[in-house]
Protein backbone atom coordinates (compact mmCIF):
# COMPACT_ATOMS: atom_id res chain seq x y z
CA UNK A 1 -0.03 0.00 -0.03
CA UNK A 2 2.89 2.33 0.84
CA UNK A 3 4.32 1.70 -2.49
CA UNK A 4 1.20 2.69 -4.40
CA UNK A 5 0.80 5.81 -2.21
CA UNK A 6 4.33 6.83 -2.89
CA UNK A 7 3.91 6.51 -6.66
CA UNK A 8 0.71 8.46 -6.59
CA UNK A 9 2.49 11.22 -4.55
CA UNK A 10 5.32 11.39 -7.20
CA UNK A 11 2.85 11.56 -10.04
CA UNK A 12 0.98 14.44 -8.35
CA UNK A 13 4.23 16.25 -7.61
CA UNK A 14 5.66 15.91 -11.06
CA UNK A 15 2.31 16.95 -12.56
CA UNK A 16 2.26 20.06 -10.39
CA UNK A 17 5.87 20.97 -11.44
CA UNK A 18 5.06 20.57 -15.11
CA UNK A 19 1.89 22.68 -14.72
CA UNK A 20 4.12 25.65 -13.63
CA UNK A 21 5.89 25.80 -17.12
CA UNK A 22 4.67 27.41 -20.29
CA UNK A 23 5.39 25.90 -23.66
CA UNK A 24 6.34 28.36 -26.37
CA UNK A 25 7.13 27.60 -29.98
CA UNK A 26 9.90 29.71 -31.53
CA UNK A 27 10.93 29.92 -35.21
CA UNK A 28 14.15 30.60 -37.13
CA UNK A 29 15.12 30.43 -40.69
CA UNK A 30 18.35 29.87 -42.64
CA UNK A 31 19.40 30.31 -46.28
CA UNK A 32 21.05 27.43 -48.03
CA UNK A 33 23.27 29.80 -49.79
CA UNK A 34 25.40 30.78 -46.82
CA UNK A 35 24.12 28.62 -43.93
CA UNK A 36 23.47 31.63 -41.72
CA UNK A 37 20.64 31.20 -39.15
CA UNK A 38 18.22 34.09 -38.69
CA UNK A 39 16.68 34.37 -35.15
CA UNK A 40 14.94 37.69 -35.68
CA UNK A 41 14.28 39.54 -32.36
CA UNK A 42 15.09 36.73 -29.98
CA UNK A 43 17.99 38.71 -28.50
CA UNK A 44 15.50 41.32 -27.30
CA UNK A 45 12.80 38.92 -26.10
CA UNK A 46 14.41 36.26 -23.98
CA UNK A 47 16.57 36.09 -20.85
CA UNK A 48 20.26 35.33 -21.35
CA UNK A 49 19.87 31.76 -20.26
CA UNK A 50 17.42 31.05 -23.00
CA UNK A 51 19.43 33.02 -25.59
CA UNK A 52 22.57 31.11 -25.01
CA UNK A 53 20.82 27.78 -25.26
CA UNK A 54 18.78 28.66 -28.42
CA UNK A 55 20.71 31.19 -30.37
CA UNK A 56 23.58 29.07 -31.63
CA UNK A 57 25.78 30.35 -34.36
CA UNK A 58 25.98 27.02 -36.32
CA UNK A 59 28.02 28.55 -39.11
CA UNK A 60 30.88 29.62 -36.78
CA UNK A 61 30.57 26.52 -34.55
CA UNK A 62 30.75 23.94 -37.27
CA UNK A 63 32.51 25.94 -39.95
CA UNK A 64 29.68 25.41 -42.42
CA UNK A 65 29.33 26.72 -46.01
CA UNK A 66 26.67 26.36 -48.76
CA UNK A 67 27.73 22.79 -49.53
CA UNK A 68 27.01 21.82 -45.90
CA UNK A 69 23.33 22.86 -45.77
CA UNK A 70 22.21 19.30 -45.13
CA UNK A 71 24.57 18.97 -42.26
CA UNK A 72 23.05 22.22 -40.78
CA UNK A 73 19.63 20.69 -41.06
CA UNK A 74 20.89 17.63 -39.12
CA UNK A 75 22.63 19.71 -36.50
CA UNK A 76 19.60 21.84 -35.90
CA UNK A 77 17.37 18.74 -35.72
CA UNK A 78 19.75 17.30 -33.20
CA UNK A 79 19.19 20.50 -31.06
CA UNK A 80 15.34 20.17 -31.17
CA UNK A 81 14.57 22.18 -34.18
CA UNK A 82 12.07 20.77 -36.70
CA UNK A 83 11.72 21.66 -40.34
CA UNK A 84 8.43 23.50 -40.90
CA UNK A 85 8.74 24.57 -44.53
CA UNK A 86 10.97 25.37 -47.43
CA UNK A 87 10.42 28.28 -49.71
CA UNK A 88 12.46 29.88 -52.46
CA UNK A 89 13.61 33.49 -52.04
CA UNK A 90 15.36 34.96 -55.12
CA UNK A 91 16.08 31.56 -56.39
CA UNK A 92 17.72 30.43 -53.19
CA UNK A 93 16.02 27.94 -50.76
CA UNK A 94 15.06 29.22 -47.29
CA UNK A 95 14.17 26.84 -44.53
CA UNK A 96 11.81 27.69 -41.69
CA UNK A 97 12.54 25.82 -38.44
CA UNK A 98 10.60 25.63 -35.19
CA UNK A 99 11.43 24.56 -31.75
CA UNK A 100 9.37 24.27 -28.56
CA UNK A 101 10.83 25.66 -25.37
CA UNK A 102 9.50 25.58 -21.82
CA UNK A 103 9.49 28.79 -19.78
CA UNK A 104 8.86 29.19 -16.08
CA UNK A 105 6.59 31.89 -14.86
CA UNK A 106 9.29 34.51 -14.40
CA UNK A 107 10.70 33.96 -17.91
CA UNK A 108 7.25 33.94 -19.48
CA UNK A 109 6.41 37.27 -17.80
CA UNK A 110 9.75 38.77 -18.99
CA UNK A 111 8.96 37.48 -22.44
CA UNK A 112 5.57 39.04 -22.42
CA UNK A 113 6.97 42.35 -21.15
CA UNK A 114 9.61 42.47 -23.86
CA UNK A 115 7.08 41.55 -26.50
CA UNK A 116 4.84 44.39 -25.38
CA UNK A 117 7.71 46.88 -25.42
CA UNK A 118 8.70 45.70 -29.08
CA UNK A 119 5.19 46.10 -30.16
CA UNK A 120 4.80 49.69 -28.97
CA UNK A 121 4.26 51.83 -32.08
CA UNK A 122 3.95 48.72 -34.26
CA UNK A 123 0.19 48.13 -33.91
CA UNK A 124 -0.14 47.22 -37.60
CA UNK A 125 2.20 44.30 -37.01
CA UNK A 126 0.78 42.98 -33.70
CA UNK A 127 -2.66 44.52 -33.35
CA UNK A 128 -3.76 42.16 -30.51
CA UNK A 129 -1.23 43.48 -27.96
């Protein structure tokens, strides 16, 4: 009986801990031509701990060039990025990638504050804020 009660207590505790995190999907893109990853405004939105974990300069870290675009896809996939779409921009393929990250309450509040400050004066872009 004690064993079952202990397992139930662990399940409730882990469920409560997971309920305190917020799941957020972030996006990036890269061009096959030069293998540079574009993270848009992430340096202005997230705390330093998230930026260092997410905003990796793959081109510098792995010395990639345009012949290594498939290696870049595999490296980003290994870091949790998923391929969302591929589209052609000026005759060059551009890959859109997504990744889900978990934010605690403090990081989520900071993200929302930074998002609101970025959207000030840009109501045509983000009308719902």
